[in-house]
Amino acid sequence: MGAYIFITSEGETFQPGNISHDVDVDNCQVIGFANGASEKEAFKNLKDENDYLLNTNFNELICIELKNEDYHGNAKYFYLGDSKKLGTLLPTFLPTNFSSQ
């Protein structure tokens, strides 16, 4: 069985701390995760396990197979705030053989 994530580009998203009513971030939203032998089976399982989804206004979902079924345990976290403190968007960690030449 494969692990899948379902996302949508429908809906609106705001930055944390935003006081404006205007949408200021165009991105995708995670609808859910499901397992299945195929994308189609995972979609069926997503709906069966989360029947409330049928009562939302979301319509088009994008299904992406995850490389590893233990996606939570293998997640890597990156923080834009650390890079902003440097005044530029640089990677938070650099390879050990990095040289500034």
N, C-alpha and C. Protein backbone atom coordinates (compact mmCIF):
# COMPACT_ATOMS: atom_id res chain seq x y z
N MET A 1 0.83 -1.19 0.00
CA MET A 1 0.00 0.00 0.00
C MET A 1 0.87 1.24 0.00
N GLY A 2 0.42 2.23 -0.72
CA GLY A 2 1.12 3.50 -0.75
C GLY A 2 0.46 4.53 0.14
N ALA A 3 1.23 5.52 0.53
CA ALA A 3 0.71 6.64 1.32
C ALA A 3 0.56 7.84 0.39
N TYR A 4 -0.53 8.56 0.53
CA TYR A 4 -0.84 9.68 -0.36
C TYR A 4 -1.26 10.90 0.45
N ILE A 5 -0.96 12.07 -0.09
CA ILE A 5 -1.43 13.33 0.46
C ILE A 5 -2.38 13.94 -0.56
N PHE A 6 -3.45 14.53 -0.08
CA PHE A 6 -4.42 15.20 -0.95
C PHE A 6 -4.40 16.68 -0.61
N ILE A 7 -4.19 17.50 -1.64
CA ILE A 7 -4.14 18.95 -1.47
C ILE A 7 -5.09 19.62 -2.44
N THR A 8 -5.37 20.88 -2.21
CA THR A 8 -6.18 21.66 -3.14
C THR A 8 -5.63 23.08 -3.21
N SER A 9 -5.82 23.70 -4.35
CA SER A 9 -5.47 25.11 -4.48
C SER A 9 -6.71 25.99 -4.30
N GLU A 10 -7.84 25.35 -4.01
CA GLU A 10 -9.07 26.09 -3.73
C GLU A 10 -9.01 26.64 -2.31
N GLY A 11 -9.67 27.73 -2.08
CA GLY A 11 -9.70 28.32 -0.75
C GLY A 11 -8.76 29.50 -0.65
N GLU A 12 -8.68 30.07 0.53
CA GLU A 12 -7.89 31.26 0.77
C GLU A 12 -7.03 31.08 2.00
N THR A 13 -5.87 31.68 1.99
CA THR A 13 -4.94 31.56 3.10
C THR A 13 -4.38 32.93 3.45
N PHE A 14 -4.16 33.15 4.74
CA PHE A 14 -3.62 34.40 5.24
C PHE A 14 -2.34 34.11 6.03
N GLN A 15 -1.42 35.06 6.02
CA GLN A 15 -0.20 34.95 6.82
C GLN A 15 -0.55 35.06 8.31
N PRO A 16 0.25 34.43 9.17
CA PRO A 16 0.03 34.62 10.61
C PRO A 16 0.13 36.10 10.98
N GLY A 17 -0.76 36.56 11.82
CA GLY A 17 -0.73 37.95 12.27
C GLY A 17 -1.32 38.95 11.29
N ASN A 18 -1.90 38.48 10.18
CA ASN A 18 -2.48 39.37 9.18
C ASN A 18 -3.73 40.02 9.74
N ILE A 19 -3.84 41.34 9.62
CA ILE A 19 -5.04 42.04 10.09
C ILE A 19 -5.93 42.48 8.93
N SER A 20 -5.46 42.26 7.72
CA SER A 20 -6.23 42.64 6.53
C SER A 20 -7.22 41.54 6.18
N HIS A 21 -8.31 41.91 5.54
CA HIS A 21 -9.28 40.93 5.07
C HIS A 21 -8.95 40.44 3.66
N ASP A 22 -7.90 41.02 3.07
CA ASP A 22 -7.50 40.63 1.72
C ASP A 22 -6.60 39.40 1.79
N VAL A 23 -6.84 38.47 0.89
CA VAL A 23 -6.00 37.28 0.80
C VAL A 23 -4.62 37.71 0.33
N ASP A 24 -3.58 37.22 1.01
CA ASP A 24 -2.25 37.65 0.62
C ASP A 24 -1.29 36.50 0.35
N VAL A 25 -1.76 35.28 0.39
CA VAL A 25 -0.90 34.14 0.11
C VAL A 25 -1.63 33.20 -0.84
N ASP A 26 -1.02 32.94 -1.99
CA ASP A 26 -1.56 31.94 -2.92
C ASP A 26 -0.79 30.65 -2.69
N ASN A 27 -1.48 29.64 -2.17
CA ASN A 27 -0.81 28.37 -1.94
C ASN A 27 -1.82 27.24 -1.94
N CYS A 28 -1.37 26.08 -1.58
CA CYS A 28 -2.24 24.90 -1.51
C CYS A 28 -2.53 24.59 -0.05
N GLN A 29 -3.65 23.93 0.16
CA GLN A 29 -4.04 23.50 1.49
C GLN A 29 -4.08 21.98 1.54
N VAL A 30 -3.62 21.42 2.64
CA VAL A 30 -3.68 19.97 2.82
C VAL A 30 -5.10 19.61 3.22
N ILE A 31 -5.69 18.69 2.47
CA ILE A 31 -7.03 18.20 2.78
C ILE A 31 -6.96 16.96 3.65
N GLY A 32 -5.98 16.10 3.38
CA GLY A 32 -5.86 14.90 4.20
C GLY A 32 -4.84 13.93 3.65
N PHE A 33 -4.66 12.85 4.39
CA PHE A 33 -3.75 11.77 4.03
C PHE A 33 -4.55 10.48 3.97
N ALA A 34 -4.14 9.56 3.09
CA ALA A 34 -4.81 8.27 3.01
C ALA A 34 -3.86 7.24 2.42
N ASN A 35 -4.13 6.00 2.71
CA ASN A 35 -3.36 4.89 2.15
C ASN A 35 -4.21 4.15 1.13
N GLY A 36 -3.54 3.50 0.19
CA GLY A 36 -4.24 2.70 -0.80
C GLY A 36 -3.27 2.05 -1.76
N ALA A 37 -3.76 1.05 -2.47
CA ALA A 37 -2.94 0.36 -3.47
C ALA A 37 -2.73 1.24 -4.70
N SER A 38 -3.59 2.25 -4.86
CA SER A 38 -3.50 3.18 -5.99
C SER A 38 -4.06 4.53 -5.54
N GLU A 39 -3.89 5.54 -6.39
CA GLU A 39 -4.44 6.86 -6.08
C GLU A 39 -5.96 6.79 -5.93
N LYS A 40 -6.59 6.01 -6.80
CA LYS A 40 -8.04 5.89 -6.78
C LYS A 40 -8.53 5.25 -5.48
N GLU A 41 -7.84 4.20 -5.04
CA GLU A 41 -8.22 3.55 -3.78
C GLU A 41 -7.96 4.47 -2.59
N ALA A 42 -6.86 5.21 -2.63
CA ALA A 42 -6.56 6.15 -1.55
C ALA A 42 -7.62 7.25 -1.49
N PHE A 43 -8.10 7.72 -2.64
CA PHE A 43 -9.15 8.73 -2.68
C PHE A 43 -10.43 8.19 -2.06
N LYS A 44 -10.77 6.95 -2.38
CA LYS A 44 -11.95 6.32 -1.77
C LYS A 44 -11.78 6.23 -0.26
N ASN A 45 -10.59 5.82 0.19
CA ASN A 45 -10.33 5.70 1.62
C ASN A 45 -10.37 7.07 2.31
N LEU A 46 -9.85 8.10 1.63
CA LEU A 46 -9.90 9.45 2.18
C LEU A 46 -11.35 9.85 2.46
N LYS A 47 -12.23 9.62 1.49
CA LYS A 47 -13.64 9.98 1.66
C LYS A 47 -14.32 9.14 2.73
N ASP A 48 -14.00 7.84 2.76
CA ASP A 48 -14.61 6.95 3.76
C ASP A 48 -14.18 7.31 5.18
N GLU A 49 -12.92 7.69 5.34
CA GLU A 49 -12.38 7.98 6.66
C GLU A 49 -12.65 9.41 7.12
N ASN A 50 -13.06 10.28 6.20
CA ASN A 50 -13.30 11.70 6.51
C ASN A 50 -14.58 12.15 5.83
N ASP A 51 -15.70 11.56 6.22
CA ASP A 51 -16.96 11.83 5.51
C ASP A 51 -17.39 13.30 5.57
N TYR A 52 -16.85 14.07 6.51
CA TYR A 52 -17.17 15.50 6.58
C TYR A 52 -16.71 16.25 5.33
N LEU A 53 -15.72 15.69 4.62
CA LEU A 53 -15.20 16.37 3.41
C LEU A 53 -16.30 16.59 2.38
N LEU A 54 -17.27 15.69 2.35
CA LEU A 54 -18.36 15.82 1.37
C LEU A 54 -19.28 17.00 1.70
N ASN A 55 -19.15 17.56 2.89
CA ASN A 55 -19.95 18.72 3.29
C ASN A 55 -19.18 20.02 3.17
N THR A 56 -17.98 19.98 2.59
CA THR A 56 -17.20 21.20 2.39
C THR A 56 -17.42 21.72 0.97
N ASN A 57 -16.87 22.87 0.68
CA ASN A 57 -16.98 23.44 -0.66
C ASN A 57 -15.79 23.09 -1.55
N PHE A 58 -14.84 22.30 -1.03
CA PHE A 58 -13.71 21.88 -1.86
C PHE A 58 -14.20 20.92 -2.93
N ASN A 59 -13.61 21.01 -4.12
CA ASN A 59 -14.01 20.13 -5.21
C ASN A 59 -12.80 19.40 -5.79
N GLU A 60 -11.84 20.17 -6.33
CA GLU A 60 -10.70 19.56 -7.01
C GLU A 60 -9.58 19.27 -6.02
N LEU A 61 -9.22 17.99 -5.91
CA LEU A 61 -8.12 17.58 -5.04
C LEU A 61 -6.98 17.05 -5.89
N ILE A 62 -5.79 17.34 -5.47
CA ILE A 62 -4.58 16.85 -6.13
C ILE A 62 -4.00 15.76 -5.25
N CYS A 63 -3.73 14.61 -5.83
CA CYS A 63 -3.22 13.47 -5.09
C CYS A 63 -1.74 13.28 -5.43
N ILE A 64 -0.91 13.19 -4.39
CA ILE A 64 0.53 12.99 -4.58
C ILE A 64 0.97 11.82 -3.72
N GLU A 65 1.64 10.86 -4.33
CA GLU A 65 2.14 9.73 -3.56
C GLU A 65 3.36 10.17 -2.75
N LEU A 66 3.37 9.78 -1.49
CA LEU A 66 4.49 10.12 -0.61
C LEU A 66 5.57 9.06 -0.74
N LYS A 67 6.79 9.50 -0.71
CA LYS A 67 7.94 8.61 -0.88
C LYS A 67 8.03 7.60 0.26
N ASN A 68 7.70 8.04 1.45
CA ASN A 68 7.85 7.20 2.62
C ASN A 68 6.55 7.21 3.41
N GLU A 69 6.05 6.04 3.79
CA GLU A 69 4.81 5.99 4.53
C GLU A 69 4.94 6.59 5.93
N ASP A 70 6.14 6.67 6.46
CA ASP A 70 6.37 7.30 7.76
C ASP A 70 6.73 8.77 7.54
N TYR A 71 5.85 9.49 6.87
CA TYR A 71 6.14 10.87 6.50
C TYR A 71 6.29 11.77 7.73
N HIS A 72 5.59 11.49 8.81
CA HIS A 72 5.74 12.32 10.02
C HIS A 72 7.10 12.08 10.67
N GLY A 73 7.50 10.84 10.75
CA GLY A 73 8.78 10.51 11.38
C GLY A 73 9.98 10.94 10.58
N ASN A 74 9.82 11.11 9.28
CA ASN A 74 10.93 11.49 8.41
C ASN A 74 10.86 12.95 7.96
N ALA A 75 9.98 13.73 8.55
CA ALA A 75 9.82 15.11 8.13
C ALA A 75 11.05 15.94 8.50
N LYS A 76 11.40 16.86 7.63
CA LYS A 76 12.47 17.83 7.87
C LYS A 76 11.81 19.20 7.98
N TYR A 77 12.21 19.99 8.95
CA TYR A 77 11.62 21.29 9.17
C TYR A 77 12.61 22.39 8.82
N PHE A 78 12.12 23.41 8.16
CA PHE A 78 12.91 24.57 7.78
C PHE A 78 12.18 25.81 8.28
N TYR A 79 12.93 26.82 8.67
CA TYR A 79 12.34 28.03 9.24
C TYR A 79 12.83 29.26 8.48
N LEU A 80 11.92 29.95 7.84
CA LEU A 80 12.27 31.17 7.13
C LEU A 80 12.77 32.24 8.08
N GLY A 81 12.27 32.27 9.30
CA GLY A 81 12.67 33.28 10.27
C GLY A 81 14.16 33.28 10.54
N ASP A 82 14.78 32.11 10.59
CA ASP A 82 16.22 32.03 10.82
C ASP A 82 16.99 32.71 9.69
N SER A 83 16.54 32.54 8.47
CA SER A 83 17.21 33.14 7.33
C SER A 83 16.98 34.65 7.27
N LYS A 84 15.80 35.09 7.68
CA LYS A 84 15.49 36.52 7.64
C LYS A 84 16.36 37.30 8.60
N LYS A 85 16.77 36.69 9.71
CA LYS A 85 17.63 37.36 10.68
C LYS A 85 18.98 37.70 10.06
N LEU A 86 19.40 36.92 9.06
CA LEU A 86 20.67 37.16 8.39
C LEU A 86 20.55 38.24 7.32
N GLY A 87 19.32 38.66 7.03
CA GLY A 87 19.11 39.68 6.02
C GLY A 87 18.98 39.12 4.62
N THR A 88 19.01 37.81 4.48
CA THR A 88 18.87 37.18 3.17
C THR A 88 18.28 35.80 3.38
N LEU A 89 17.70 35.23 2.37
CA LEU A 89 17.12 33.90 2.47
C LEU A 89 18.17 32.86 2.09
N LEU A 90 18.98 32.47 3.05
CA LEU A 90 20.00 31.44 2.86
C LEU A 90 19.51 30.15 3.50
N PRO A 91 20.03 29.01 3.07
CA PRO A 91 19.65 27.77 3.73
C PRO A 91 20.02 27.83 5.21
N THR A 92 19.20 27.23 6.07
CA THR A 92 19.47 27.24 7.50
C THR A 92 20.70 26.42 7.83
N PHE A 93 20.91 25.31 7.14
CA PHE A 93 22.13 24.55 7.37
C PHE A 93 22.84 24.33 6.05
N LEU A 94 24.16 24.31 6.12
CA LEU A 94 25.00 24.22 4.94
C LEU A 94 25.76 22.91 4.96
N PRO A 95 26.15 22.39 3.79
CA PRO A 95 26.94 21.16 3.76
C PRO A 95 28.25 21.36 4.51
N THR A 96 28.80 20.29 5.07
CA THR A 96 30.03 20.40 5.86
C THR A 96 31.21 20.81 5.02
N ASN A 97 31.17 20.60 3.72
CA ASN A 97 32.28 20.98 2.84
C ASN A 97 32.07 22.36 2.22
N PHE A 98 31.14 23.15 2.78
CA PHE A 98 30.84 24.47 2.24
C PHE A 98 32.03 25.40 2.45
N SER A 99 32.37 26.12 1.40
CA SER A 99 33.42 27.12 1.53
C SER A 99 32.90 28.44 1.00
N SER A 100 33.35 29.53 1.57
CA SER A 100 32.83 30.85 1.20
C SER A 100 33.60 31.49 0.05
N GLN A 101 34.38 30.71 -0.69
CA GLN A 101 35.18 31.26 -1.80
C GLN A 101 34.33 31.71 -2.93
